[in-house]
PDB file of all heavy atoms in Angstrom:
ATOM      1  N   LEU A   1       1.591   0.874  31.033  1.00  0.00           N
ATOM      2  CA  LEU A   1       1.394   2.109  31.832  1.00  0.00           C
ATOM      3  C   LEU A   1      -0.106   2.173  32.368  1.00  0.00           C
ATOM      4  O   LEU A   1      -0.301   2.552  33.494  1.00  0.00           O
ATOM      5  CB  LEU A   1       1.757   3.322  31.002  1.00  0.00           C
ATOM      6  CG  LEU A   1       3.183   3.699  30.910  1.00  0.00           C
ATOM      7  CD1 LEU A   1       3.368   4.859  29.875  1.00  0.00           C
ATOM      8  CD2 LEU A   1       3.666   4.164  32.204  1.00  0.00           C
ATOM      9  N   LEU A   2      -1.047   1.955  31.433  1.00  0.00           N
ATOM     10  CA  LEU A   2      -2.454   1.947  31.866  1.00  0.00           C
ATOM     11  C   LEU A   2      -2.738   0.970  32.975  1.00  0.00           C
ATOM     12  O   LEU A   2      -3.465   1.275  33.920  1.00  0.00           O
ATOM     13  CB  LEU A   2      -3.400   1.685  30.637  1.00  0.00           C
ATOM     14  CG  LEU A   2      -3.495   2.815  29.660  1.00  0.00           C
ATOM     15  CD1 LEU A   2      -4.216   2.310  28.378  1.00  0.00           C
ATOM     16  CD2 LEU A   2      -4.120   4.026  30.243  1.00  0.00           C
ATOM     17  N   GLU A   3      -2.097  -0.225  32.854  1.00  0.00           N
ATOM     18  CA  GLU A   3      -2.285  -1.260  33.880  1.00  0.00           C
ATOM     19  C   GLU A   3      -1.657  -0.809  35.200  1.00  0.00           C
ATOM     20  O   GLU A   3      -2.262  -0.989  36.291  1.00  0.00           O
ATOM     21  CB  GLU A   3      -1.773  -2.609  33.424  1.00  0.00           C
ATOM     22  CG  GLU A   3      -2.605  -3.185  32.367  1.00  0.00           C
ATOM     23  CD  GLU A   3      -1.928  -4.399  31.682  1.00  0.00           C
ATOM     24  OE1 GLU A   3      -0.757  -4.632  31.889  1.00  0.00           O
ATOM     25  OE2 GLU A   3      -2.678  -5.145  31.013  1.00  0.00           O
ATOM     26  N   GLU A   4      -0.420  -0.289  35.143  1.00  0.00           N
ATOM     27  CA  GLU A   4       0.301   0.156  36.334  1.00  0.00           C
ATOM     28  C   GLU A   4      -0.435   1.306  37.065  1.00  0.00           C
ATOM     29  O   GLU A   4      -0.479   1.307  38.269  1.00  0.00           O
ATOM     30  CB  GLU A   4       1.704   0.583  35.958  1.00  0.00           C
ATOM     31  CG  GLU A   4       2.611  -0.535  35.654  1.00  0.00           C
ATOM     32  CD  GLU A   4       4.020  -0.105  35.141  1.00  0.00           C
ATOM     33  OE1 GLU A   4       4.220   1.120  35.027  1.00  0.00           O
ATOM     34  OE2 GLU A   4       4.800  -1.019  34.818  1.00  0.00           O
ATOM     35  N   LYS A   5      -0.927   2.220  36.308  1.00  0.00           N
ATOM     36  CA  LYS A   5      -1.648   3.425  36.873  1.00  0.00           C
ATOM     37  C   LYS A   5      -2.975   3.054  37.381  1.00  0.00           C
ATOM     38  O   LYS A   5      -3.479   3.775  38.321  1.00  0.00           O
ATOM     39  CB  LYS A   5      -1.735   4.548  35.839  1.00  0.00           C
ATOM     40  CG  LYS A   5      -0.460   5.020  35.321  1.00  0.00           C
ATOM     41  CD  LYS A   5       0.224   5.937  36.272  1.00  0.00           C
ATOM     42  CE  LYS A   5       1.520   6.498  35.587  1.00  0.00           C
ATOM     43  NZ  LYS A   5       2.372   7.161  36.660  1.00  0.00           N
ATOM     44  N   GLY A   6      -3.577   1.982  36.972  1.00  0.00           N
ATOM     45  CA  GLY A   6      -4.910   1.591  37.386  1.00  0.00           C
ATOM     46  C   GLY A   6      -6.030   2.516  36.988  1.00  0.00           C
ATOM     47  O   GLY A   6      -7.083   2.508  37.579  1.00  0.00           O
ATOM     48  N   VAL A   7      -5.883   3.275  35.940  1.00  0.00           N
ATOM     49  CA  VAL A   7      -6.893   4.223  35.524  1.00  0.00           C
ATOM     50  C   VAL A   7      -7.834   3.617  34.466  1.00  0.00           C
ATOM     51  O   VAL A   7      -8.824   4.257  34.101  1.00  0.00           O
ATOM     52  CB  VAL A   7      -6.277   5.503  34.986  1.00  0.00           C
ATOM     53  CG1 VAL A   7      -5.527   6.254  36.067  1.00  0.00           C
ATOM     54  CG2 VAL A   7      -5.362   5.265  33.796  1.00  0.00           C
ATOM     55  N   ALA A   8      -7.475   2.453  33.930  1.00  0.00           N
ATOM     56  CA  ALA A   8      -8.255   1.900  32.831  1.00  0.00           C
ATOM     57  C   ALA A   8      -8.632   0.441  33.195  1.00  0.00           C
ATOM     58  O   ALA A   8      -7.915  -0.198  33.878  1.00  0.00           O
ATOM     59  CB  ALA A   8      -7.458   1.908  31.516  1.00  0.00           C
ATOM     60  N   LYS A   9      -9.774  -0.002  32.594  1.00  0.00           N
ATOM     61  CA  LYS A   9     -10.158  -1.383  32.661  1.00  0.00           C
ATOM     62  C   LYS A   9     -10.567  -1.821  31.254  1.00  0.00           C
ATOM     63  O   LYS A   9     -10.737  -1.010  30.366  1.00  0.00           O
ATOM     64  CB  LYS A   9     -11.302  -1.538  33.703  1.00  0.00           C
ATOM     65  CG  LYS A   9     -12.557  -0.786  33.251  1.00  0.00           C
ATOM     66  CD  LYS A   9     -13.655  -0.995  34.267  1.00  0.00           C
ATOM     67  CE  LYS A   9     -14.960  -0.303  33.752  1.00  0.00           C
ATOM     68  NZ  LYS A   9     -16.093  -0.471  34.684  1.00  0.00           N
ATOM     69  N   GLU A  10     -10.665  -3.161  31.138  1.00  0.00           N
ATOM     70  CA  GLU A  10     -11.053  -3.711  29.825  1.00  0.00           C
ATOM     71  C   GLU A  10     -10.221  -3.177  28.695  1.00  0.00           C
ATOM     72  O   GLU A  10     -10.645  -2.737  27.692  1.00  0.00           O
ATOM     73  CB  GLU A  10     -12.570  -3.454  29.553  1.00  0.00           C
ATOM     74  CG  GLU A  10     -13.502  -4.050  30.643  1.00  0.00           C
ATOM     75  CD  GLU A  10     -14.851  -3.406  30.701  1.00  0.00           C
ATOM     76  OE1 GLU A  10     -15.122  -2.403  30.047  1.00  0.00           O
ATOM     77  OE2 GLU A  10     -15.704  -3.927  31.408  1.00  0.00           O
ATOM     78  N   ILE A  11      -8.878  -3.242  28.925  1.00  0.00           N
ATOM     79  CA  ILE A  11      -7.965  -2.687  27.954  1.00  0.00           C
ATOM     80  C   ILE A  11      -7.803  -3.737  26.818  1.00  0.00           C
ATOM     81  O   ILE A  11      -7.623  -4.973  27.062  1.00  0.00           O
ATOM     82  CB  ILE A  11      -6.586  -2.485  28.628  1.00  0.00           C
ATOM     83  CG1 ILE A  11      -6.705  -1.408  29.739  1.00  0.00           C
ATOM     84  CG2 ILE A  11      -5.554  -1.982  27.560  1.00  0.00           C
ATOM     85  CD1 ILE A  11      -5.507  -1.402  30.637  1.00  0.00           C
ATOM     86  N   ASP A  12      -7.850  -3.274  25.618  1.00  0.00           N
ATOM     87  CA  ASP A  12      -7.672  -4.229  24.460  1.00  0.00           C
ATOM     88  C   ASP A  12      -6.910  -3.400  23.329  1.00  0.00           C
ATOM     89  O   ASP A  12      -6.908  -2.196  23.365  1.00  0.00           O
ATOM     90  CB  ASP A  12      -9.062  -4.696  23.866  1.00  0.00           C
ATOM     91  CG  ASP A  12      -8.981  -5.783  22.881  1.00  0.00           C
ATOM     92  OD1 ASP A  12      -7.826  -6.413  22.799  1.00  0.00           O
ATOM     93  OD2 ASP A  12      -9.966  -6.074  22.257  1.00  0.00           O
ATOM     94  N   THR A  13      -6.301  -4.113  22.481  1.00  0.00           N
ATOM     95  CA  THR A  13      -5.593  -3.563  21.379  1.00  0.00           C
ATOM     96  C   THR A  13      -5.991  -4.314  20.089  1.00  0.00           C
ATOM     97  O   THR A  13      -6.558  -5.377  20.166  1.00  0.00           O
ATOM     98  CB  THR A  13      -4.062  -3.654  21.542  1.00  0.00           C
ATOM     99  OG1 THR A  13      -3.582  -4.941  21.421  1.00  0.00           O
ATOM    100  CG2 THR A  13      -3.638  -3.066  22.878  1.00  0.00           C
ATOM    101  N   THR A  14      -5.508  -3.786  18.954  1.00  0.00           N
ATOM    102  CA  THR A  14      -5.673  -4.527  17.676  1.00  0.00           C
ATOM    103  C   THR A  14      -4.548  -5.467  17.358  1.00  0.00           C
ATOM    104  O   THR A  14      -4.535  -6.058  16.321  1.00  0.00           O
ATOM    105  CB  THR A  14      -5.863  -3.507  16.565  1.00  0.00           C
ATOM    106  OG1 THR A  14      -4.718  -2.547  16.493  1.00  0.00           O
ATOM    107  CG2 THR A  14      -7.170  -2.781  16.590  1.00  0.00           C
ATOM    108  N   ILE A  15      -3.587  -5.457  18.279  1.00  0.00           N
ATOM    109  CA  ILE A  15      -2.447  -6.439  18.079  1.00  0.00           C
ATOM    110  C   ILE A  15      -2.917  -7.853  18.276  1.00  0.00           C
ATOM    111  O   ILE A  15      -3.519  -8.199  19.309  1.00  0.00           O
ATOM    112  CB  ILE A  15      -1.233  -6.134  18.993  1.00  0.00           C
ATOM    113  CG1 ILE A  15      -0.731  -4.714  18.770  1.00  0.00           C
ATOM    114  CG2 ILE A  15      -0.185  -7.207  18.913  1.00  0.00           C
ATOM    115  CD1 ILE A  15       0.324  -4.318  19.740  1.00  0.00           C
ATOM    116  N   ARG A  16      -2.701  -8.735  17.340  1.00  0.00           N
ATOM    117  CA  ARG A  16      -3.100 -10.135  17.398  1.00  0.00           C
ATOM    118  C   ARG A  16      -1.917 -10.933  17.094  1.00  0.00           C
ATOM    119  O   ARG A  16      -0.997 -10.516  16.314  1.00  0.00           O
ATOM    120  CB  ARG A  16      -4.276 -10.436  16.404  1.00  0.00           C
ATOM    121  CG  ARG A  16      -5.526  -9.668  16.686  1.00  0.00           C
ATOM    122  CD  ARG A  16      -6.181 -10.016  17.968  1.00  0.00           C
ATOM    123  NE  ARG A  16      -7.409  -9.334  18.268  1.00  0.00           N
ATOM    124  CZ  ARG A  16      -7.480  -8.327  19.135  1.00  0.00           C
ATOM    125  NH1 ARG A  16      -6.442  -7.846  19.756  1.00  0.00           N
ATOM    126  NH2 ARG A  16      -8.676  -7.746  19.311  1.00  0.00           N
ATOM    127  N   ASN A  17      -1.881 -12.209  17.536  1.00  0.00           N
ATOM    128  CA  ASN A  17      -0.784 -13.120  17.268  1.00  0.00           C
ATOM    129  C   ASN A  17      -0.782 -13.432  15.814  1.00  0.00           C
ATOM    130  O   ASN A  17      -1.848 -13.652  15.190  1.00  0.00           O
ATOM    131  CB  ASN A  17      -0.928 -14.382  18.053  1.00  0.00           C
ATOM    132  CG  ASN A  17      -0.633 -14.123  19.539  1.00  0.00           C
ATOM    133  OD1 ASN A  17       0.112 -13.251  19.926  1.00  0.00           O
ATOM    134  ND2 ASN A  17      -1.283 -14.909  20.370  1.00  0.00           N
ATOM    135  N   PRO A  18       0.370 -13.433  15.177  1.00  0.00           N
ATOM    136  CA  PRO A  18       0.444 -13.748  13.715  1.00  0.00           C
ATOM    137  C   PRO A  18       0.069 -15.227  13.529  1.00  0.00           C
ATOM    138  O   PRO A  18       0.260 -16.067  14.418  1.00  0.00           O
ATOM    139  CB  PRO A  18       1.894 -13.460  13.368  1.00  0.00           C
ATOM    140  CG  PRO A  18       2.654 -13.478  14.647  1.00  0.00           C
ATOM    141  CD  PRO A  18       1.728 -13.151  15.692  1.00  0.00           C
ATOM    142  N   LYS A  19      -0.384 -15.495  12.322  1.00  0.00           N
ATOM    143  CA  LYS A  19      -0.684 -16.873  11.885  1.00  0.00           C
ATOM    144  C   LYS A  19       0.457 -17.397  11.007  1.00  0.00           C
ATOM    145  O   LYS A  19       1.064 -16.652  10.286  1.00  0.00           O
ATOM    146  CB  LYS A  19      -1.991 -16.883  11.134  1.00  0.00           C
ATOM    147  CG  LYS A  19      -3.157 -16.338  11.925  1.00  0.00           C
ATOM    148  CD  LYS A  19      -3.685 -17.348  12.915  1.00  0.00           C
ATOM    149  CE  LYS A  19      -4.828 -16.791  13.588  1.00  0.00           C
ATOM    150  NZ  LYS A  19      -5.348 -17.563  14.645  1.00  0.00           N
ATOM    151  N   PRO A  20       0.680 -18.741  11.058  1.00  0.00           N
ATOM    152  CA  PRO A  20       1.733 -19.222  10.197  1.00  0.00           C
ATOM    153  C   PRO A  20       1.318 -19.241   8.734  1.00  0.00           C
ATOM    154  O   PRO A  20       0.179 -19.495   8.431  1.00  0.00           O
ATOM    155  CB  PRO A  20       1.896 -20.715  10.782  1.00  0.00           C
ATOM    156  CG  PRO A  20       0.617 -21.062  11.392  1.00  0.00           C
ATOM    157  CD  PRO A  20       0.028 -19.709  11.893  1.00  0.00           C
ATOM    158  N   ARG A  21       2.280 -18.955   7.871  1.00  0.00           N
ATOM    159  CA  ARG A  21       2.011 -19.019   6.436  1.00  0.00           C
ATOM    160  C   ARG A  21       3.132 -19.755   5.794  1.00  0.00           C
ATOM    161  O   ARG A  21       4.287 -19.528   6.178  1.00  0.00           O
ATOM    162  CB  ARG A  21       1.943 -17.631   5.839  1.00  0.00           C
ATOM    163  CG  ARG A  21       1.748 -17.754   4.282  1.00  0.00           C
ATOM    164  CD  ARG A  21       1.837 -16.381   3.662  1.00  0.00           C
ATOM    165  NE  ARG A  21       3.272 -15.955   3.583  1.00  0.00           N
ATOM    166  CZ  ARG A  21       3.668 -14.840   3.041  1.00  0.00           C
ATOM    167  NH1 ARG A  21       2.763 -14.028   2.448  1.00  0.00           N
ATOM    168  NH2 ARG A  21       4.910 -14.509   3.110  1.00  0.00           N
ATOM    169  N   THR A  22       2.920 -20.668   4.910  1.00  0.00           N
ATOM    170  CA  THR A  22       3.934 -21.434   4.216  1.00  0.00           C
ATOM    171  C   THR A  22       3.983 -21.088   2.745  1.00  0.00           C
ATOM    172  O   THR A  22       2.913 -21.239   2.110  1.00  0.00           O
ATOM    173  CB  THR A  22       3.780 -22.935   4.437  1.00  0.00           C
ATOM    174  OG1 THR A  22       3.799 -23.220   5.883  1.00  0.00           O
ATOM    175  CG2 THR A  22       4.881 -23.728   3.759  1.00  0.00           C
ATOM    176  N   ALA A  23       5.017 -20.668   2.241  1.00  0.00           N
ATOM    177  CA  ALA A  23       5.183 -20.417   0.797  1.00  0.00           C
ATOM    178  C   ALA A  23       5.960 -21.563   0.167  1.00  0.00           C
ATOM    179  O   ALA A  23       6.864 -22.080   0.736  1.00  0.00           O
ATOM    180  CB  ALA A  23       5.930 -19.124   0.539  1.00  0.00           C
ATOM    181  N   LEU A  24       5.458 -21.985  -0.921  1.00  0.00           N
ATOM    182  CA  LEU A  24       6.112 -23.102  -1.689  1.00  0.00           C
ATOM    183  C   LEU A  24       6.919 -22.462  -2.837  1.00  0.00           C
ATOM    184  O   LEU A  24       6.297 -21.952  -3.732  1.00  0.00           O
ATOM    185  CB  LEU A  24       5.111 -24.067  -2.153  1.00  0.00           C
ATOM    186  CG  LEU A  24       4.230 -24.830  -1.153  1.00  0.00           C
ATOM    187  CD1 LEU A  24       3.157 -25.687  -1.751  1.00  0.00           C
ATOM    188  CD2 LEU A  24       5.184 -25.588  -0.199  1.00  0.00           C
ATOM    189  N   ILE A  25       8.180 -22.539  -2.707  1.00  0.00           N
ATOM    190  CA  ILE A  25       9.097 -21.889  -3.741  1.00  0.00           C
ATOM    191  C   ILE A  25       9.583 -22.912  -4.675  1.00  0.00           C
ATOM    192  O   ILE A  25      10.243 -23.926  -4.314  1.00  0.00           O
ATOM    193  CB  ILE A  25      10.324 -21.266  -3.064  1.00  0.00           C
ATOM    194  CG1 ILE A  25       9.949 -20.351  -1.816  1.00  0.00           C
ATOM    195  CG2 ILE A  25      11.116 -20.423  -4.071  1.00  0.00           C
ATOM    196  CD1 ILE A  25       9.035 -19.217  -2.194  1.00  0.00           C
ATOM    197  N   PRO A  26       9.187 -22.854  -5.954  1.00  0.00           N
ATOM    198  CA  PRO A  26       9.550 -23.939  -6.920  1.00  0.00           C
ATOM    199  C   PRO A  26      11.096 -23.806  -7.263  1.00  0.00           C
ATOM    200  O   PRO A  26      11.616 -22.648  -7.370  1.00  0.00           O
ATOM    201  CB  PRO A  26       8.752 -23.611  -8.176  1.00  0.00           C
ATOM    202  CG  PRO A  26       8.326 -22.244  -8.056  1.00  0.00           C
ATOM    203  CD  PRO A  26       8.309 -21.881  -6.629  1.00  0.00           C
ATOM    204  N   ASP A  27      11.743 -24.937  -7.463  1.00  0.00           N
ATOM    205  CA  ASP A  27      13.146 -24.980  -7.868  1.00  0.00           C
ATOM    206  C   ASP A  27      12.983 -25.114  -9.411  1.00  0.00           C
ATOM    207  O   ASP A  27      12.826 -26.143 -10.005  1.00  0.00           O
ATOM    208  CB  ASP A  27      13.819 -26.230  -7.295  1.00  0.00           C
ATOM    209  CG  ASP A  27      15.314 -26.203  -7.600  1.00  0.00           C
ATOM    210  OD1 ASP A  27      15.753 -25.726  -8.652  1.00  0.00           O
ATOM    211  OD2 ASP A  27      16.053 -26.682  -6.736  1.00  0.00           O
ATOM    212  N   ARG A  28      13.156 -23.974 -10.016  1.00  0.00           N
ATOM    213  CA  ARG A  28      12.967 -23.854 -11.446  1.00  0.00           C
ATOM    214  C   ARG A  28      13.942 -24.688 -12.312  1.00  0.00           C
ATOM    215  O   ARG A  28      13.591 -25.232 -13.347  1.00  0.00           O
ATOM    216  CB  ARG A  28      13.024 -22.348 -11.939  1.00  0.00           C
ATOM    217  CG  ARG A  28      11.853 -21.605 -11.315  1.00  0.00           C
ATOM    218  CD  ARG A  28      11.748 -20.153 -11.792  1.00  0.00           C
ATOM    219  NE  ARG A  28      10.895 -19.322 -11.047  1.00  0.00           N
ATOM    220  CZ  ARG A  28       9.593 -19.435 -10.953  1.00  0.00           C
ATOM    221  NH1 ARG A  28       9.006 -20.288 -11.699  1.00  0.00           N
ATOM    222  NH2 ARG A  28       8.883 -18.551 -10.205  1.00  0.00           N
ATOM    223  N   ALA A  29      15.183 -24.813 -11.829  1.00  0.00           N
ATOM    224  CA  ALA A  29      16.171 -25.615 -12.522  1.00  0.00           C
ATOM    225  C   ALA A  29      15.787 -27.071 -12.585  1.00  0.00           C
ATOM    226  O   ALA A  29      15.808 -27.736 -13.604  1.00  0.00           O
ATOM    227  CB  ALA A  29      17.524 -25.454 -11.903  1.00  0.00           C
ATOM    228  N   ILE A  30      15.348 -27.605 -11.444  1.00  0.00           N
ATOM    229  CA  ILE A  30      14.903 -29.003 -11.382  1.00  0.00           C
ATOM    230  C   ILE A  30      13.625 -29.197 -12.264  1.00  0.00           C
ATOM    231  O   ILE A  30      13.600 -30.168 -13.012  1.00  0.00           O
ATOM    232  CB  ILE A  30      14.607 -29.434 -10.009  1.00  0.00           C
ATOM    233  CG1 ILE A  30      15.905 -29.524  -9.191  1.00  0.00           C
ATOM    234  CG2 ILE A  30      13.912 -30.828  -9.932  1.00  0.00           C
ATOM    235  CD1 ILE A  30      15.759 -29.850  -7.714  1.00  0.00           C
ATOM    236  N   LEU A  31      12.726 -28.273 -12.203  1.00  0.00           N
ATOM    237  CA  LEU A  31      11.503 -28.405 -12.985  1.00  0.00           C
ATOM    238  C   LEU A  31      11.885 -28.377 -14.532  1.00  0.00           C
ATOM    239  O   LEU A  31      11.322 -29.155 -15.293  1.00  0.00           O
ATOM    240  CB  LEU A  31      10.532 -27.189 -12.709  1.00  0.00           C
ATOM    241  CG  LEU A  31       9.821 -27.220 -11.325  1.00  0.00           C
ATOM    242  CD1 LEU A  31       9.079 -25.929 -11.174  1.00  0.00           C
ATOM    243  CD2 LEU A  31       8.910 -28.406 -11.292  1.00  0.00           C
ATOM    244  N   LYS A  32      12.781 -27.493 -14.920  1.00  0.00           N
ATOM    245  CA  LYS A  32      13.201 -27.386 -16.336  1.00  0.00           C
ATOM    246  C   LYS A  32      13.810 -28.701 -16.744  1.00  0.00           C
ATOM    247  O   LYS A  32      13.616 -29.229 -17.786  1.00  0.00           O
ATOM    248  CB  LYS A  32      14.111 -26.276 -16.484  1.00  0.00           C
ATOM    249  CG  LYS A  32      14.480 -26.001 -17.919  1.00  0.00           C
ATOM    250  CD  LYS A  32      15.273 -24.764 -18.085  1.00  0.00           C
ATOM    251  CE  LYS A  32      15.609 -24.587 -19.613  1.00  0.00           C
ATOM    252  NZ  LYS A  32      16.375 -23.440 -19.860  1.00  0.00           N
ATOM    253  N   ASN A  33      14.753 -29.283 -15.914  1.00  0.00           N
ATOM    254  CA  ASN A  33      15.413 -30.534 -16.279  1.00  0.00           C
ATOM    255  C   ASN A  33      14.396 -31.627 -16.383  1.00  0.00           C
ATOM    256  O   ASN A  33      14.634 -32.588 -17.200  1.00  0.00           O
ATOM    257  CB  ASN A  33      16.465 -30.953 -15.208  1.00  0.00           C
ATOM    258  CG  ASN A  33      17.665 -29.976 -15.292  1.00  0.00           C
ATOM    259  OD1 ASN A  33      17.936 -29.395 -16.315  1.00  0.00           O
ATOM    260  ND2 ASN A  33      18.489 -29.922 -14.235  1.00  0.00           N
ATOM    261  N   MET A  34      13.398 -31.645 -15.666  1.00  0.00           N
ATOM    262  CA  MET A  34      12.361 -32.730 -15.682  1.00  0.00           C
ATOM    263  C   MET A  34      11.323 -32.460 -16.766  1.00  0.00           C
ATOM    264  O   MET A  34      10.463 -33.328 -16.973  1.00  0.00           O
ATOM    265  CB  MET A  34      11.697 -32.901 -14.345  1.00  0.00           C
ATOM    266  CG  MET A  34      12.588 -33.356 -13.252  1.00  0.00           C
ATOM    267  SD  MET A  34      11.674 -33.374 -11.691  1.00  0.00           S
ATOM    268  CE  MET A  34      12.247 -34.888 -10.946  1.00  0.00           C
ATOM    269  N   GLY A  35      11.315 -31.307 -17.340  1.00  0.00           N
ATOM    270  CA  GLY A  35      10.299 -30.950 -18.349  1.00  0.00           C
ATOM    271  C   GLY A  35       8.956 -30.686 -17.736  1.00  0.00           C
ATOM    272  O   GLY A  35       7.923 -30.919 -18.282  1.00  0.00           O
ATOM    273  N   PHE A  36       8.986 -30.248 -16.479  1.00  0.00           N
ATOM    274  CA  PHE A  36       7.762 -30.028 -15.694  1.00  0.00           C
ATOM    275  C   PHE A  36       7.626 -28.520 -15.619  1.00  0.00           C
ATOM    276  O   PHE A  36       8.495 -27.857 -14.998  1.00  0.00           O
ATOM    277  CB  PHE A  36       7.883 -30.698 -14.350  1.00  0.00           C
ATOM    278  CG  PHE A  36       6.650 -31.024 -13.632  1.00  0.00           C
ATOM    279  CD1 PHE A  36       5.858 -32.113 -14.103  1.00  0.00           C
ATOM    280  CD2 PHE A  36       6.234 -30.366 -12.564  1.00  0.00           C
ATOM    281  CE1 PHE A  36       4.652 -32.433 -13.463  1.00  0.00           C
ATOM    282  CE2 PHE A  36       5.069 -30.739 -11.894  1.00  0.00           C
ATOM    283  CZ  PHE A  36       4.257 -31.806 -12.328  1.00  0.00           C
ATOM    284  N   ASN A  37       6.536 -27.897 -16.066  1.00  0.00           N
ATOM    285  CA  ASN A  37       6.417 -26.460 -16.047  1.00  0.00           C
ATOM    286  C   ASN A  37       5.763 -25.946 -14.717  1.00  0.00           C
ATOM    287  O   ASN A  37       5.083 -26.707 -14.080  1.00  0.00           O
ATOM    288  CB  ASN A  37       5.860 -25.864 -17.243  1.00  0.00           C
ATOM    289  CG  ASN A  37       4.365 -26.180 -17.405  1.00  0.00           C
ATOM    290  OD1 ASN A  37       3.627 -26.301 -16.503  1.00  0.00           O
ATOM    291  ND2 ASN A  37       3.893 -26.425 -18.688  1.00  0.00           N
TER     292      ASN A  37
END
């Protein structure tokens, strides 16, 4: 709306692109069978 109306310049927001995150989920059954804690 601000851009369409032309009333504002140098418009910025706090919205930023998310960053990738990788979680490593242990397979507890396999760990237990292997004796690996």
